[in-house]
PDB file of all heavy atoms in Angstrom:
ATOM      1  N   TYR A   1      85.130 -37.390 -66.368  1.00  0.00           N
ATOM      2  CA  TYR A   1      86.030 -37.067 -67.482  1.00  0.00           C
ATOM      3  C   TYR A   1      85.417 -35.951 -68.317  1.00  0.00           C
ATOM      4  O   TYR A   1      84.322 -36.089 -68.859  1.00  0.00           O
ATOM      5  CB  TYR A   1      86.260 -38.306 -68.350  1.00  0.00           C
ATOM      6  CG  TYR A   1      87.118 -38.028 -69.558  1.00  0.00           C
ATOM      7  CD1 TYR A   1      88.456 -37.672 -69.425  1.00  0.00           C
ATOM      8  CD2 TYR A   1      86.587 -38.126 -70.843  1.00  0.00           C
ATOM      9  CE1 TYR A   1      89.239 -37.422 -70.528  1.00  0.00           C
ATOM     10  CE2 TYR A   1      87.370 -37.879 -71.955  1.00  0.00           C
ATOM     11  CZ  TYR A   1      88.696 -37.528 -71.788  1.00  0.00           C
ATOM     12  OH  TYR A   1      89.466 -37.275 -72.894  1.00  0.00           O
ATOM     13  N   LYS A   2      86.138 -34.837 -68.432  1.00  0.00           N
ATOM     14  CA  LYS A   2      85.642 -33.658 -69.140  1.00  0.00           C
ATOM     15  C   LYS A   2      86.482 -33.313 -70.365  1.00  0.00           C
ATOM     16  O   LYS A   2      86.387 -32.211 -70.880  1.00  0.00           O
ATOM     17  CB  LYS A   2      85.605 -32.444 -68.194  1.00  0.00           C
ATOM     18  CG  LYS A   2      84.753 -32.652 -66.949  1.00  0.00           C
ATOM     19  CD  LYS A   2      83.298 -32.956 -67.286  1.00  0.00           C
ATOM     20  CE  LYS A   2      82.452 -33.115 -66.031  1.00  0.00           C
ATOM     21  NZ  LYS A   2      81.040 -33.488 -66.356  1.00  0.00           N
ATOM     22  N   GLY A   3      87.324 -34.229 -70.804  1.00  0.00           N
ATOM     23  CA  GLY A   3      88.071 -33.980 -72.035  1.00  0.00           C
ATOM     24  C   GLY A   3      89.568 -33.985 -71.888  1.00  0.00           C
ATOM     25  O   GLY A   3      90.282 -33.994 -72.887  1.00  0.00           O
ATOM     26  N   ASN A   4      90.071 -33.958 -70.662  1.00  0.00           N
ATOM     27  CA  ASN A   4      91.523 -34.027 -70.479  1.00  0.00           C
ATOM     28  C   ASN A   4      91.850 -34.789 -69.203  1.00  0.00           C
ATOM     29  O   ASN A   4      91.009 -34.948 -68.322  1.00  0.00           O
ATOM     30  CB  ASN A   4      92.156 -32.630 -70.456  1.00  0.00           C
ATOM     31  CG  ASN A   4      91.704 -31.812 -69.274  1.00  0.00           C
ATOM     32  OD1 ASN A   4      90.543 -31.844 -68.898  1.00  0.00           O
ATOM     33  ND2 ASN A   4      92.606 -31.073 -68.673  1.00  0.00           N
ATOM     34  N   ILE A   5      93.060 -35.299 -69.147  1.00  0.00           N
ATOM     35  CA  ILE A   5      93.518 -36.071 -67.995  1.00  0.00           C
ATOM     36  C   ILE A   5      94.633 -35.307 -67.294  1.00  0.00           C
ATOM     37  O   ILE A   5      95.568 -34.836 -67.936  1.00  0.00           O
ATOM     38  CB  ILE A   5      94.057 -37.451 -68.425  1.00  0.00           C
ATOM     39  CG1 ILE A   5      92.954 -38.260 -69.097  1.00  0.00           C
ATOM     40  CG2 ILE A   5      94.605 -38.217 -67.236  1.00  0.00           C
ATOM     41  CD1 ILE A   5      93.430 -39.599 -69.605  1.00  0.00           C
ATOM     42  N   ARG A   6      94.516 -35.184 -65.972  1.00  0.00           N
ATOM     43  CA  ARG A   6      95.542 -34.530 -65.171  1.00  0.00           C
ATOM     44  C   ARG A   6      96.336 -35.571 -64.393  1.00  0.00           C
ATOM     45  O   ARG A   6      95.928 -36.727 -64.306  1.00  0.00           O
ATOM     46  CB  ARG A   6      94.904 -33.528 -64.209  1.00  0.00           C
ATOM     47  CG  ARG A   6      94.149 -32.409 -64.915  1.00  0.00           C
ATOM     48  CD  ARG A   6      93.423 -31.514 -63.927  1.00  0.00           C
ATOM     49  NE  ARG A   6      92.808 -30.385 -64.592  1.00  0.00           N
ATOM     50  CZ  ARG A   6      91.617 -30.421 -65.203  1.00  0.00           C
ATOM     51  NH1 ARG A   6      90.928 -31.560 -65.223  1.00  0.00           N
ATOM     52  NH2 ARG A   6      91.131 -29.352 -65.787  1.00  0.00           N
ATOM     53  N   LYS A   7      97.447 -35.152 -63.848  1.00  0.00           N
ATOM     54  CA  LYS A   7      98.290 -36.071 -63.093  1.00  0.00           C
ATOM     55  C   LYS A   7      97.516 -36.701 -61.945  1.00  0.00           C
ATOM     56  O   LYS A   7      97.666 -37.890 -61.662  1.00  0.00           O
ATOM     57  CB  LYS A   7      99.527 -35.340 -62.559  1.00  0.00           C
ATOM     58  CG  LYS A   7     100.506 -36.248 -61.838  1.00  0.00           C
ATOM     59  CD  LYS A   7     101.747 -35.501 -61.392  1.00  0.00           C
ATOM     60  CE  LYS A   7     102.713 -36.434 -60.681  1.00  0.00           C
ATOM     61  NZ  LYS A   7     103.942 -35.711 -60.241  1.00  0.00           N
ATOM     62  N   ALA A   8      96.654 -35.913 -61.307  1.00  0.00           N
ATOM     63  CA  ALA A   8      95.856 -36.439 -60.198  1.00  0.00           C
ATOM     64  C   ALA A   8      94.947 -37.565 -60.662  1.00  0.00           C
ATOM     65  O   ALA A   8      94.681 -38.511 -59.912  1.00  0.00           O
ATOM     66  CB  ALA A   8      95.041 -35.317 -59.566  1.00  0.00           C
ATOM     67  N   ASP A   9      94.467 -37.488 -61.903  1.00  0.00           N
ATOM     68  CA  ASP A   9      93.606 -38.543 -62.437  1.00  0.00           C
ATOM     69  C   ASP A   9      94.392 -39.847 -62.620  1.00  0.00           C
ATOM     70  O   ASP A   9      93.863 -40.933 -62.416  1.00  0.00           O
ATOM     71  CB  ASP A   9      93.005 -38.113 -63.771  1.00  0.00           C
ATOM     72  CG  ASP A   9      92.130 -36.880 -63.637  1.00  0.00           C
ATOM     73  OD1 ASP A   9      91.409 -36.778 -62.625  1.00  0.00           O
ATOM     74  OD2 ASP A   9      92.186 -36.014 -64.529  1.00  0.00           O
ATOM     75  N   LEU A  10      95.658 -39.724 -63.021  1.00  0.00           N
ATOM     76  CA  LEU A  10      96.492 -40.907 -63.206  1.00  0.00           C
ATOM     77  C   LEU A  10      96.761 -41.606 -61.878  1.00  0.00           C
ATOM     78  O   LEU A  10      96.932 -42.829 -61.835  1.00  0.00           O
ATOM     79  CB  LEU A  10      97.822 -40.529 -63.860  1.00  0.00           C
ATOM     80  CG  LEU A  10      97.749 -39.867 -65.236  1.00  0.00           C
ATOM     81  CD1 LEU A  10      99.160 -39.563 -65.745  1.00  0.00           C
ATOM     82  CD2 LEU A  10      97.015 -40.757 -66.242  1.00  0.00           C
ATOM     83  N   LEU A  11      96.791 -40.834 -60.803  1.00  0.00           N
ATOM     84  CA  LEU A  11      97.107 -41.391 -59.489  1.00  0.00           C
ATOM     85  C   LEU A  11      95.875 -41.835 -58.720  1.00  0.00           C
ATOM     86  O   LEU A  11      95.992 -42.540 -57.718  1.00  0.00           O
ATOM     87  CB  LEU A  11      97.868 -40.345 -58.660  1.00  0.00           C
ATOM     88  CG  LEU A  11      99.205 -39.858 -59.251  1.00  0.00           C
ATOM     89  CD1 LEU A  11      99.792 -38.762 -58.376  1.00  0.00           C
ATOM     90  CD2 LEU A  11     100.176 -41.011 -59.401  1.00  0.00           C
ATOM     91  N   ARG A  12      94.689 -41.443 -59.199  1.00  0.00           N
ATOM     92  CA  ARG A  12      93.457 -41.779 -58.485  1.00  0.00           C
ATOM     93  C   ARG A  12      93.098 -43.246 -58.719  1.00  0.00           C
ATOM     94  O   ARG A  12      92.982 -43.704 -59.859  1.00  0.00           O
ATOM     95  CB  ARG A  12      92.316 -40.872 -58.941  1.00  0.00           C
ATOM     96  CG  ARG A  12      91.028 -41.063 -58.139  1.00  0.00           C
ATOM     97  CD  ARG A  12      89.995 -40.026 -58.518  1.00  0.00           C
ATOM     98  NE  ARG A  12      90.427 -38.689 -58.128  1.00  0.00           N
ATOM     99  CZ  ARG A  12      90.786 -37.740 -59.001  1.00  0.00           C
ATOM    100  NH1 ARG A  12      90.750 -37.982 -60.297  1.00  0.00           N
ATOM    101  NH2 ARG A  12      91.165 -36.555 -58.579  1.00  0.00           N
ATOM    102  N   LYS A  13      92.893 -43.975 -57.650  1.00  0.00           N
ATOM    103  CA  LYS A  13      92.611 -45.407 -57.763  1.00  0.00           C
ATOM    104  C   LYS A  13      91.160 -45.654 -58.169  1.00  0.00           C
ATOM    105  O   LYS A  13      90.231 -45.152 -57.546  1.00  0.00           O
ATOM    106  CB  LYS A  13      92.912 -46.108 -56.440  1.00  0.00           C
ATOM    107  CG  LYS A  13      94.397 -46.158 -56.093  1.00  0.00           C
ATOM    108  CD  LYS A  13      94.647 -46.966 -54.825  1.00  0.00           C
ATOM    109  CE  LYS A  13      96.128 -47.068 -54.524  1.00  0.00           C
ATOM    110  NZ  LYS A  13      96.408 -47.879 -53.311  1.00  0.00           N
ATOM    111  N   THR A  14      90.998 -46.399 -59.246  1.00  0.00           N
ATOM    112  CA  THR A  14      89.696 -46.936 -59.639  1.00  0.00           C
ATOM    113  C   THR A  14      89.945 -48.386 -60.051  1.00  0.00           C
ATOM    114  O   THR A  14      91.099 -48.779 -60.290  1.00  0.00           O
ATOM    115  CB  THR A  14      89.081 -46.168 -60.828  1.00  0.00           C
ATOM    116  OG1 THR A  14      89.781 -46.533 -62.039  1.00  0.00           O
ATOM    117  CG2 THR A  14      89.164 -44.654 -60.629  1.00  0.00           C
ATOM    118  N   PRO A  15      88.905 -49.187 -60.163  1.00  0.00           N
ATOM    119  CA  PRO A  15      89.111 -50.592 -60.584  1.00  0.00           C
ATOM    120  C   PRO A  15      89.689 -50.712 -61.986  1.00  0.00           C
ATOM    121  O   PRO A  15      90.168 -51.792 -62.364  1.00  0.00           O
ATOM    122  CB  PRO A  15      87.697 -51.187 -60.519  1.00  0.00           C
ATOM    123  CG  PRO A  15      86.958 -50.312 -59.553  1.00  0.00           C
ATOM    124  CD  PRO A  15      87.513 -48.938 -59.763  1.00  0.00           C
ATOM    125  N   TYR A  16      89.651 -49.593 -62.755  1.00  0.00           N
ATOM    126  CA  TYR A  16      90.070 -49.652 -64.160  1.00  0.00           C
ATOM    127  C   TYR A  16      91.391 -48.934 -64.437  1.00  0.00           C
ATOM    128  O   TYR A  16      91.949 -49.099 -65.518  1.00  0.00           O
ATOM    129  CB  TYR A  16      88.978 -49.039 -65.047  1.00  0.00           C
ATOM    130  CG  TYR A  16      87.727 -49.877 -65.090  1.00  0.00           C
ATOM    131  CD1 TYR A  16      86.718 -49.695 -64.148  1.00  0.00           C
ATOM    132  CD2 TYR A  16      87.558 -50.866 -66.048  1.00  0.00           C
ATOM    133  CE1 TYR A  16      85.565 -50.480 -64.166  1.00  0.00           C
ATOM    134  CE2 TYR A  16      86.417 -51.650 -66.084  1.00  0.00           C
ATOM    135  CZ  TYR A  16      85.435 -51.454 -65.135  1.00  0.00           C
ATOM    136  OH  TYR A  16      84.311 -52.238 -65.166  1.00  0.00           O
ATOM    137  N   ASN A  17      91.861 -48.141 -63.515  1.00  0.00           N
ATOM    138  CA  ASN A  17      93.064 -47.331 -63.742  1.00  0.00           C
ATOM    139  C   ASN A  17      94.310 -48.207 -63.743  1.00  0.00           C
ATOM    140  O   ASN A  17      94.798 -48.616 -62.696  1.00  0.00           O
ATOM    141  CB  ASN A  17      93.170 -46.243 -62.665  1.00  0.00           C
ATOM    142  CG  ASN A  17      94.354 -45.321 -62.904  1.00  0.00           C
ATOM    143  OD1 ASN A  17      95.151 -45.509 -63.825  1.00  0.00           O
ATOM    144  ND2 ASN A  17      94.461 -44.297 -62.074  1.00  0.00           N
ATOM    145  N   THR A  18      94.852 -48.470 -64.931  1.00  0.00           N
ATOM    146  CA  THR A  18      96.014 -49.360 -65.036  1.00  0.00           C
ATOM    147  C   THR A  18      97.320 -48.673 -64.661  1.00  0.00           C
ATOM    148  O   THR A  18      98.388 -49.274 -64.786  1.00  0.00           O
ATOM    149  CB  THR A  18      96.122 -49.938 -66.461  1.00  0.00           C
ATOM    150  OG1 THR A  18      96.109 -48.868 -67.414  1.00  0.00           O
ATOM    151  CG2 THR A  18      94.978 -50.895 -66.736  1.00  0.00           C
ATOM    152  N   TYR A  19      97.239 -47.420 -64.223  1.00  0.00           N
ATOM    153  CA  TYR A  19      98.409 -46.790 -63.596  1.00  0.00           C
ATOM    154  C   TYR A  19      98.507 -47.201 -62.129  1.00  0.00           C
ATOM    155  O   TYR A  19      99.566 -47.076 -61.524  1.00  0.00           O
ATOM    156  CB  TYR A  19      98.323 -45.266 -63.679  1.00  0.00           C
ATOM    157  CG  TYR A  19      98.673 -44.702 -65.033  1.00  0.00           C
ATOM    158  CD1 TYR A  19      97.718 -44.605 -66.039  1.00  0.00           C
ATOM    159  CD2 TYR A  19      99.962 -44.246 -65.317  1.00  0.00           C
ATOM    160  CE1 TYR A  19      98.032 -44.087 -67.278  1.00  0.00           C
ATOM    161  CE2 TYR A  19     100.284 -43.732 -66.555  1.00  0.00           C
ATOM    162  CZ  TYR A  19      99.310 -43.649 -67.536  1.00  0.00           C
ATOM    163  OH  TYR A  19      99.632 -43.141 -68.777  1.00  0.00           O
ATOM    164  N   THR A  20      97.390 -47.662 -61.559  1.00  0.00           N
ATOM    165  CA  THR A  20      97.378 -47.997 -60.128  1.00  0.00           C
ATOM    166  C   THR A  20      97.083 -49.471 -59.856  1.00  0.00           C
ATOM    167  O   THR A  20      97.266 -49.928 -58.724  1.00  0.00           O
ATOM    168  CB  THR A  20      96.337 -47.144 -59.381  1.00  0.00           C
ATOM    169  OG1 THR A  20      95.028 -47.421 -59.904  1.00  0.00           O
ATOM    170  CG2 THR A  20      96.640 -45.657 -59.544  1.00  0.00           C
ATOM    171  N   ILE A  21      96.589 -50.200 -60.855  1.00  0.00           N
ATOM    172  CA  ILE A  21      96.284 -51.625 -60.646  1.00  0.00           C
ATOM    173  C   ILE A  21      97.243 -52.480 -61.457  1.00  0.00           C
ATOM    174  O   ILE A  21      97.812 -52.017 -62.450  1.00  0.00           O
ATOM    175  CB  ILE A  21      94.827 -51.967 -61.046  1.00  0.00           C
ATOM    176  CG1 ILE A  21      94.629 -51.806 -62.563  1.00  0.00           C
ATOM    177  CG2 ILE A  21      93.835 -51.131 -60.258  1.00  0.00           C
ATOM    178  CD1 ILE A  21      93.305 -52.337 -63.081  1.00  0.00           C
ATOM    179  N   ASN A  22      97.405 -53.696 -61.052  1.00  0.00           N
ATOM    180  CA  ASN A  22      98.205 -54.647 -61.805  1.00  0.00           C
ATOM    181  C   ASN A  22      97.303 -55.442 -62.745  1.00  0.00           C
ATOM    182  O   ASN A  22      96.131 -55.691 -62.448  1.00  0.00           O
ATOM    183  CB  ASN A  22      98.929 -55.607 -60.862  1.00  0.00           C
ATOM    184  CG  ASN A  22      99.905 -54.891 -59.941  1.00  0.00           C
ATOM    185  OD1 ASN A  22     100.601 -53.979 -60.356  1.00  0.00           O
ATOM    186  ND2 ASN A  22      99.946 -55.307 -58.686  1.00  0.00           N
ATOM    187  N   GLY A  23      97.837 -55.816 -63.885  1.00  0.00           N
ATOM    188  CA  GLY A  23      97.077 -56.639 -64.806  1.00  0.00           C
ATOM    189  C   GLY A  23      96.020 -55.861 -65.567  1.00  0.00           C
ATOM    190  O   GLY A  23      96.080 -54.637 -65.711  1.00  0.00           O
ATOM    191  N   LEU A  24      95.014 -56.583 -66.039  1.00  0.00           N
ATOM    192  CA  LEU A  24      93.952 -56.008 -66.855  1.00  0.00           C
ATOM    193  C   LEU A  24      92.794 -55.511 -65.994  1.00  0.00           C
ATOM    194  O   LEU A  24      92.602 -55.982 -64.871  1.00  0.00           O
ATOM    195  CB  LEU A  24      93.427 -57.058 -67.833  1.00  0.00           C
ATOM    196  CG  LEU A  24      94.403 -57.501 -68.930  1.00  0.00           C
ATOM    197  CD1 LEU A  24      93.876 -58.768 -69.613  1.00  0.00           C
ATOM    198  CD2 LEU A  24      94.607 -56.395 -69.952  1.00  0.00           C
ATOM    199  N   PRO A  25      92.001 -54.571 -66.498  1.00  0.00           N
ATOM    200  CA  PRO A  25      90.790 -54.128 -65.788  1.00  0.00           C
ATOM    201  C   PRO A  25      89.796 -55.289 -65.663  1.00  0.00           C
ATOM    202  O   PRO A  25      89.903 -56.293 -66.389  1.00  0.00           O
ATOM    203  CB  PRO A  25      90.238 -53.022 -66.688  1.00  0.00           C
ATOM    204  CG  PRO A  25      91.367 -52.602 -67.550  1.00  0.00           C
ATOM    205  CD  PRO A  25      92.217 -53.815 -67.746  1.00  0.00           C
TER     206      PRO A  25
END
C-alpha cells in the first residue's frame, strides 16, 4: 500500500479483503 487503492487492489484476494471474502477478516 503506497497511499491509494486501485480497482485491481479491490479484486486481489487476501485473507482481509472484504471485497473478496465473506464475513469478517
